[in-house]
């Protein structure tokens, strides 16, 4: 248990540090945005590029991992769309925003640092496999869901596809994985200078991601829409990991460490992209904002027992 606390407490300590310095006005939102851009566009892509470019033969195909994680996510998504009908603050656009909040976890800035800190670089491949398709699939699903609900008679697949392509073309994580895969095909390996630079950037990814998350949390509010907020937290942090656990235990087979990454990622709180989607469409922003902020705080409590159960072989 001490080893788990030595992983979890520093992780959330970095978040608290970023939050505290921002609230004390030593740091500001503009500086936090700069760090976030560095994390998403440089540090984490560098880590994933090197991992994919230099990895050996695959332990397993990604299909089982994707089926388990996104299968559990899909059931959560549909359940949330139904549940959202009973909450005034969540039922807009057929529950598209609520479903996005219950499905889109904070994988890049919280899940990835936690997984790497606890399991080491051996999980870089499975986490990269999820990260590579996580944002594109969920953004497309959310846009499609909302378009069908709001513009039933005038849905445009072309417009939705253009929005998706625009998101992909500017997503550093996706581009890093693609570049790493293409470089691996050349068989050239990495020059020591390039390798050292990538190592330096990769080493910076975890602390900067966590600090930037703390900075961003200072801008979220817990005011209003409490019932909707707690509904989203329950769906995201309880239902989804339970469903993914059922998938990896009873439906598909995969290496144990891959299964643990899938469950850990499923248990992550709502991510900032869900809030951006809510804000962009001016729907359910208060409930989603609260789910991001309070969910991240609660994760500090829920992650330790989850990792303990994983290390004990129960999960």
Protein backbone atom coordinates (compact mmCIF):
# COMPACT_ATOMS: atom_id res chain seq x y z
CA UNK A 1 0.00 0.00 0.00
CA UNK A 2 2.91 2.35 0.68
CA UNK A 3 4.09 1.89 -2.90
CA UNK A 4 0.63 2.88 -4.15
CA UNK A 5 0.51 5.95 -1.91
CA UNK A 6 3.98 6.88 -3.13
CA UNK A 7 2.52 6.86 -6.63
CA UNK A 8 -0.85 8.48 -5.99
CA UNK A 9 0.06 11.21 -3.50
CA UNK A 10 2.80 12.83 -5.63
CA UNK A 11 0.48 12.70 -8.66
CA UNK A 12 -2.34 14.52 -6.91
CA UNK A 13 0.18 16.67 -5.05
CA UNK A 14 1.28 18.11 -8.39
CA UNK A 15 -2.34 18.85 -9.23
CA UNK A 16 -2.84 20.60 -5.89
CA UNK A 17 0.35 22.58 -6.47
CA UNK A 18 -0.87 23.86 -9.83
CA UNK A 19 -4.30 24.65 -8.40
CA UNK A 20 -2.90 26.38 -5.31
CA UNK A 21 -0.40 28.55 -7.17
CA UNK A 22 -3.14 29.63 -9.57
CA UNK A 23 -5.61 30.44 -6.82
CA UNK A 24 -2.84 32.42 -5.08
CA UNK A 25 -2.38 34.36 -8.35
CA UNK A 26 1.26 33.29 -8.58
CA UNK A 27 0.28 31.49 -11.76
CA UNK A 28 -2.43 32.48 -14.21
CA UNK A 29 -4.71 30.80 -16.74
CA UNK A 30 -2.67 32.05 -19.71
CA UNK A 31 0.49 30.41 -18.38
CA UNK A 32 -1.50 27.24 -17.66
CA UNK A 33 -2.75 27.16 -21.23
CA UNK A 34 0.85 27.41 -22.44
CA UNK A 35 1.81 24.41 -20.33
CA UNK A 36 -1.23 22.47 -21.54
CA UNK A 37 -0.25 23.14 -25.15
CA UNK A 38 3.27 21.90 -24.41
CA UNK A 39 1.89 18.74 -22.80
CA UNK A 40 -0.62 17.88 -25.54
CA UNK A 41 1.41 19.01 -28.56
CA UNK A 42 4.99 18.18 -27.54
CA UNK A 43 5.66 16.15 -24.37
CA UNK A 44 3.09 13.34 -24.54
CA UNK A 45 3.37 13.03 -28.37
CA UNK A 46 7.17 12.69 -27.92
CA UNK A 47 6.66 9.90 -25.36
CA UNK A 48 4.24 8.02 -27.61
CA UNK A 49 6.32 8.61 -30.74
CA UNK A 50 9.42 7.04 -29.19
CA UNK A 51 7.46 4.17 -27.65
CA UNK A 52 5.80 3.23 -30.93
CA UNK A 53 8.88 3.89 -33.09
CA UNK A 54 11.12 1.60 -31.01
CA UNK A 55 8.76 -1.09 -29.73
CA UNK A 56 9.25 -4.73 -30.63
CA UNK A 57 6.65 -7.23 -31.75
CA UNK A 58 3.18 -6.64 -30.37
CA UNK A 59 2.03 -8.72 -27.40
CA UNK A 60 -1.46 -8.80 -28.83
CA UNK A 61 -3.70 -7.13 -31.40
CA UNK A 62 -5.44 -3.96 -30.25
CA UNK A 63 -8.92 -5.26 -31.08
CA UNK A 64 -9.53 -6.96 -27.74
CA UNK A 65 -8.42 -3.84 -25.86
CA UNK A 66 -10.64 -1.59 -28.00
CA UNK A 67 -13.63 -3.93 -27.72
CA UNK A 68 -13.36 -4.01 -23.93
CA UNK A 69 -12.77 -0.29 -23.35
CA UNK A 70 -15.04 1.16 -26.01
CA UNK A 71 -17.67 -1.54 -25.50
CA UNK A 72 -18.02 -0.49 -21.87
CA UNK A 73 -17.93 3.14 -22.95
CA UNK A 74 -20.68 2.61 -25.55
CA UNK A 75 -23.03 1.04 -22.98
CA UNK A 76 -22.28 3.91 -20.59
CA UNK A 77 -22.97 6.40 -23.39
CA UNK A 78 -26.38 4.92 -24.21
CA UNK A 79 -27.31 4.58 -20.53
CA UNK A 80 -26.39 8.22 -19.92
CA UNK A 81 -28.49 9.40 -22.87
CA UNK A 82 -31.47 7.65 -21.26
CA UNK A 83 -30.73 8.84 -17.71
CA UNK A 84 -30.20 12.44 -18.88
CA UNK A 85 -33.90 12.66 -19.76
CA UNK A 86 -34.70 12.75 -16.03
CA UNK A 87 -32.37 15.68 -15.21
CA UNK A 88 -33.35 19.14 -16.35
CA UNK A 89 -29.69 20.24 -16.57
CA UNK A 90 -28.63 17.27 -18.73
CA UNK A 91 -31.43 16.48 -21.17
CA UNK A 92 -30.59 19.01 -23.91
CA UNK A 93 -29.71 17.73 -27.39
CA UNK A 94 -30.88 14.22 -26.62
CA UNK A 95 -28.32 13.90 -23.82
CA UNK A 96 -25.34 14.28 -26.18
CA UNK A 97 -23.40 16.53 -23.81
CA UNK A 98 -24.16 14.30 -20.82
CA UNK A 99 -23.04 11.19 -22.73
CA UNK A 100 -19.81 12.94 -23.71
CA UNK A 101 -19.17 13.81 -20.05
CA UNK A 102 -19.85 10.24 -18.90
CA UNK A 103 -17.62 8.75 -21.59
CA UNK A 104 -14.74 11.17 -22.09
CA UNK A 105 -12.31 10.56 -19.24
CA UNK A 106 -9.24 12.58 -18.37
CA UNK A 107 -6.80 10.12 -19.92
CA UNK A 108 -4.02 12.38 -21.18
CA UNK A 109 -3.47 14.63 -18.17
CA UNK A 110 -4.40 12.23 -15.34
CA UNK A 111 -4.80 8.65 -16.57
CA UNK A 112 -1.52 8.53 -18.49
CA UNK A 113 0.65 10.00 -15.68
CA UNK A 114 -0.96 7.64 -13.15
CA UNK A 115 -0.50 4.57 -15.35
CA UNK A 116 3.12 5.38 -16.17
CA UNK A 117 3.98 6.29 -12.58
CA UNK A 118 2.54 3.06 -11.20
CA UNK A 119 3.17 0.48 -13.93
CA UNK A 120 6.13 2.02 -15.77
CA UNK A 121 6.77 2.27 -19.51
CA UNK A 122 5.49 -1.28 -20.08
CA UNK A 123 1.99 0.20 -20.36
CA UNK A 124 2.91 2.82 -22.95
CA UNK A 125 1.72 0.60 -25.82
CA UNK A 126 -1.79 -0.20 -24.51
CA UNK A 127 -2.35 3.35 -23.27
CA UNK A 128 -1.17 4.66 -26.63
CA UNK A 129 -3.62 2.35 -28.40
CA UNK A 130 -6.51 3.82 -26.41
CA UNK A 131 -5.32 7.41 -26.61
CA UNK A 132 -4.86 7.21 -30.38
CA UNK A 133 -8.56 6.65 -31.04
CA UNK A 134 -10.19 7.91 -27.83
CA UNK A 135 -10.61 11.58 -28.73
CA UNK A 136 -11.50 11.06 -32.43
CA UNK A 137 -14.16 8.44 -31.68
CA UNK A 138 -15.79 10.37 -28.84
CA UNK A 139 -15.76 13.74 -30.59
CA UNK A 140 -17.33 12.16 -33.67
CA UNK A 141 -19.90 10.27 -31.56
CA UNK A 142 -20.80 13.41 -29.61
CA UNK A 143 -21.12 15.56 -32.73
CA UNK A 144 -23.14 12.86 -34.50
CA UNK A 145 -25.38 12.36 -31.44
CA UNK A 146 -26.09 16.07 -31.13
CA UNK A 147 -26.57 16.61 -34.87
CA UNK A 148 -29.13 13.81 -35.04
CA UNK A 149 -30.97 15.15 -31.99
CA UNK A 150 -30.98 18.82 -33.00
CA UNK A 151 -31.06 18.62 -36.80
CA UNK A 152 -33.07 15.47 -37.40
CA UNK A 153 -34.20 16.58 -40.82
CA UNK A 154 -31.03 18.36 -41.90
CA UNK A 155 -28.17 16.19 -40.64
CA UNK A 156 -24.99 16.66 -42.65
CA UNK A 157 -22.41 13.86 -42.61
CA UNK A 158 -20.06 16.08 -44.63
CA UNK A 159 -20.18 18.87 -42.03
CA UNK A 160 -19.68 16.42 -39.17
CA UNK A 161 -16.78 14.72 -40.98
CA UNK A 162 -15.10 18.08 -41.63
CA UNK A 163 -15.31 18.96 -37.94
CA UNK A 164 -13.82 15.60 -37.03
CA UNK A 165 -10.98 15.91 -39.55
CA UNK A 166 -10.19 19.39 -38.24
CA UNK A 167 -9.93 18.00 -34.70
CA UNK A 168 -7.69 15.12 -35.82
CA UNK A 169 -5.38 17.30 -37.91
CA UNK A 170 -4.56 19.41 -34.86
CA UNK A 171 -4.37 16.60 -32.28
CA UNK A 172 -0.71 16.21 -31.30
CA UNK A 173 -1.27 12.85 -29.61
CA UNK A 174 -2.81 11.31 -32.72
CA UNK A 175 -0.10 12.82 -34.94
CA UNK A 176 2.65 11.56 -32.61
CA UNK A 177 1.31 8.01 -32.76
CA UNK A 178 0.97 8.11 -36.55
CA UNK A 179 4.49 9.54 -36.95
CA UNK A 180 5.92 6.89 -34.61
CA UNK A 181 4.21 4.11 -36.55
CA UNK A 182 5.50 5.42 -39.88
CA UNK A 183 9.04 5.84 -38.52
CA UNK A 184 8.97 2.28 -37.16
CA UNK A 185 8.19 1.00 -40.65
CA UNK A 186 11.41 2.55 -41.98
CA UNK A 187 13.52 0.36 -39.66
CA UNK A 188 16.03 3.20 -39.19
CA UNK A 189 15.83 3.37 -35.40
CA UNK A 190 16.59 6.59 -33.53
CA UNK A 191 19.85 8.54 -33.50
CA UNK A 192 21.21 8.92 -29.92
CA UNK A 193 20.76 12.71 -30.05
CA UNK A 194 17.12 12.41 -31.13
CA UNK A 195 16.58 9.63 -28.60
CA UNK A 196 17.95 11.75 -25.75
CA UNK A 197 15.78 14.71 -26.71
CA UNK A 198 12.71 12.49 -26.84
CA UNK A 199 13.60 11.06 -23.43
CA UNK A 200 13.86 14.56 -21.97
CA UNK A 201 10.49 15.54 -23.39
CA UNK A 202 8.90 12.28 -22.23
CA UNK A 203 10.28 12.79 -18.70
CA UNK A 204 8.67 16.23 -18.64
CA UNK A 205 5.26 14.95 -19.74
CA UNK A 206 4.04 13.61 -16.39
CA UNK A 207 4.78 16.56 -14.05
CA UNK A 208 3.75 19.20 -16.57
CA UNK A 209 0.48 17.41 -17.39
CA UNK A 210 -0.44 17.18 -13.73
CA UNK A 211 0.53 20.77 -12.97
CA UNK A 212 -1.45 22.01 -15.98
CA UNK A 213 -4.47 20.01 -14.81
CA UNK A 214 -4.28 21.75 -11.44
CA UNK A 215 -4.13 25.14 -13.15
CA UNK A 216 -7.15 24.33 -15.31
CA UNK A 217 -9.21 23.09 -12.34
CA UNK A 218 -9.05 26.54 -10.79
CA UNK A 219 -11.34 27.75 -13.56
CA UNK A 220 -14.11 25.19 -13.00
CA UNK A 221 -17.10 25.77 -10.75
CA UNK A 222 -19.11 23.48 -8.47
CA UNK A 223 -22.04 25.88 -8.26
CA UNK A 224 -25.45 24.79 -9.52
CA UNK A 225 -26.71 21.65 -11.25
CA UNK A 226 -25.68 19.44 -8.33
CA UNK A 227 -27.98 16.53 -9.13
CA UNK A 228 -26.82 16.39 -12.74
CA UNK A 229 -23.19 16.68 -11.64
CA UNK A 230 -23.43 13.72 -9.24
CA UNK A 231 -25.27 11.68 -11.86
CA UNK A 232 -22.41 12.24 -14.32
CA UNK A 233 -19.78 11.36 -11.71
CA UNK A 234 -21.59 8.12 -10.85
CA UNK A 235 -21.98 7.13 -14.49
CA UNK A 236 -18.37 7.97 -15.35
CA UNK A 237 -16.48 6.74 -12.29
CA UNK A 238 -18.65 3.81 -11.20
CA UNK A 239 -20.68 2.42 -14.11
CA UNK A 240 -18.06 2.68 -16.86
CA UNK A 241 -15.16 0.99 -14.97
CA UNK A 242 -17.58 -1.74 -13.80
CA UNK A 243 -18.65 -2.41 -17.39
CA UNK A 244 -15.05 -2.44 -18.67
CA UNK A 245 -14.11 -4.83 -15.85
CA UNK A 246 -16.90 -7.18 -16.96
CA UNK A 247 -15.66 -6.93 -20.55
CA UNK A 248 -12.03 -7.80 -19.74
CA UNK A 249 -13.00 -10.54 -17.30
CA UNK A 250 -15.78 -12.32 -19.19
CA UNK A 251 -15.97 -11.13 -22.80
CA UNK A 252 -12.49 -10.69 -24.36
CA UNK A 253 -9.01 -11.97 -23.56
CA UNK A 254 -5.89 -9.79 -23.38
CA UNK A 255 -2.62 -9.50 -21.40
CA UNK A 256 -3.39 -8.72 -17.73
CA UNK A 257 -1.51 -5.41 -17.80
CA UNK A 258 -3.61 -4.29 -20.78
CA UNK A 259 -6.79 -5.14 -18.87
CA UNK A 260 -5.60 -3.10 -15.90
CA UNK A 261 -4.87 -0.09 -18.10
CA UNK A 262 -8.36 -0.33 -19.64
CA UNK A 263 -10.02 -0.42 -16.21
CA UNK A 264 -7.84 2.38 -14.79
CA UNK A 265 -8.60 4.57 -17.80
CA UNK A 266 -12.32 3.80 -17.50
CA UNK A 267 -12.25 4.93 -13.85
CA UNK A 268 -10.80 8.35 -14.65
CA UNK A 269 -13.02 11.40 -14.00
CA UNK A 270 -14.59 13.47 -16.75
CA UNK A 271 -11.99 15.25 -18.90
CA UNK A 272 -11.74 18.84 -20.07
CA UNK A 273 -12.80 17.95 -23.62
CA UNK A 274 -16.30 17.18 -22.33
CA UNK A 275 -16.47 20.64 -20.78
CA UNK A 276 -15.27 22.18 -24.03
CA UNK A 277 -18.04 20.35 -25.88
CA UNK A 278 -20.63 21.53 -23.34
CA UNK A 279 -19.35 25.11 -23.46
CA UNK A 280 -19.20 25.12 -27.24
CA UNK A 281 -22.85 24.08 -27.47
CA UNK A 282 -23.96 26.12 -24.43
CA UNK A 283 -25.62 23.12 -22.80
CA UNK A 284 -25.12 21.44 -19.40
CA UNK A 285 -21.93 23.43 -18.83
CA UNK A 286 -22.50 23.82 -15.07
CA UNK A 287 -23.07 20.10 -14.45
CA UNK A 288 -20.13 19.06 -16.65
CA UNK A 289 -17.85 21.67 -15.07
CA UNK A 290 -18.69 20.32 -11.63
CA UNK A 291 -18.15 16.74 -12.77
CA UNK A 292 -14.65 17.65 -14.00
CA UNK A 293 -13.68 19.48 -10.80
CA UNK A 294 -15.29 17.27 -8.13
CA UNK A 295 -14.57 14.09 -10.07
CA UNK A 296 -10.85 14.89 -10.10
CA UNK A 297 -10.92 15.47 -6.33
CA UNK A 298 -12.75 12.18 -5.76
CA UNK A 299 -10.25 10.35 -7.98
CA UNK A 300 -7.59 11.08 -5.37
CA UNK A 301 -9.60 8.82 -3.04
CA UNK A 302 -10.78 6.15 -5.49
CA UNK A 303 -7.54 5.47 -7.36
CA UNK A 304 -5.57 4.06 -4.40
CA UNK A 305 -7.95 1.16 -3.60
CA UNK A 306 -8.30 0.46 -7.32
CA UNK A 307 -4.53 0.14 -7.77
CA UNK A 308 -4.34 -1.96 -4.59
CA UNK A 309 -6.90 -4.42 -5.97
CA UNK A 310 -4.95 -4.57 -9.23
CA UNK A 311 -1.65 -5.28 -7.46
CA UNK A 312 -3.37 -7.92 -5.30
CA UNK A 313 -4.58 -9.70 -8.44
CA UNK A 314 -8.27 -9.16 -7.67
CA UNK A 315 -8.68 -7.03 -10.80
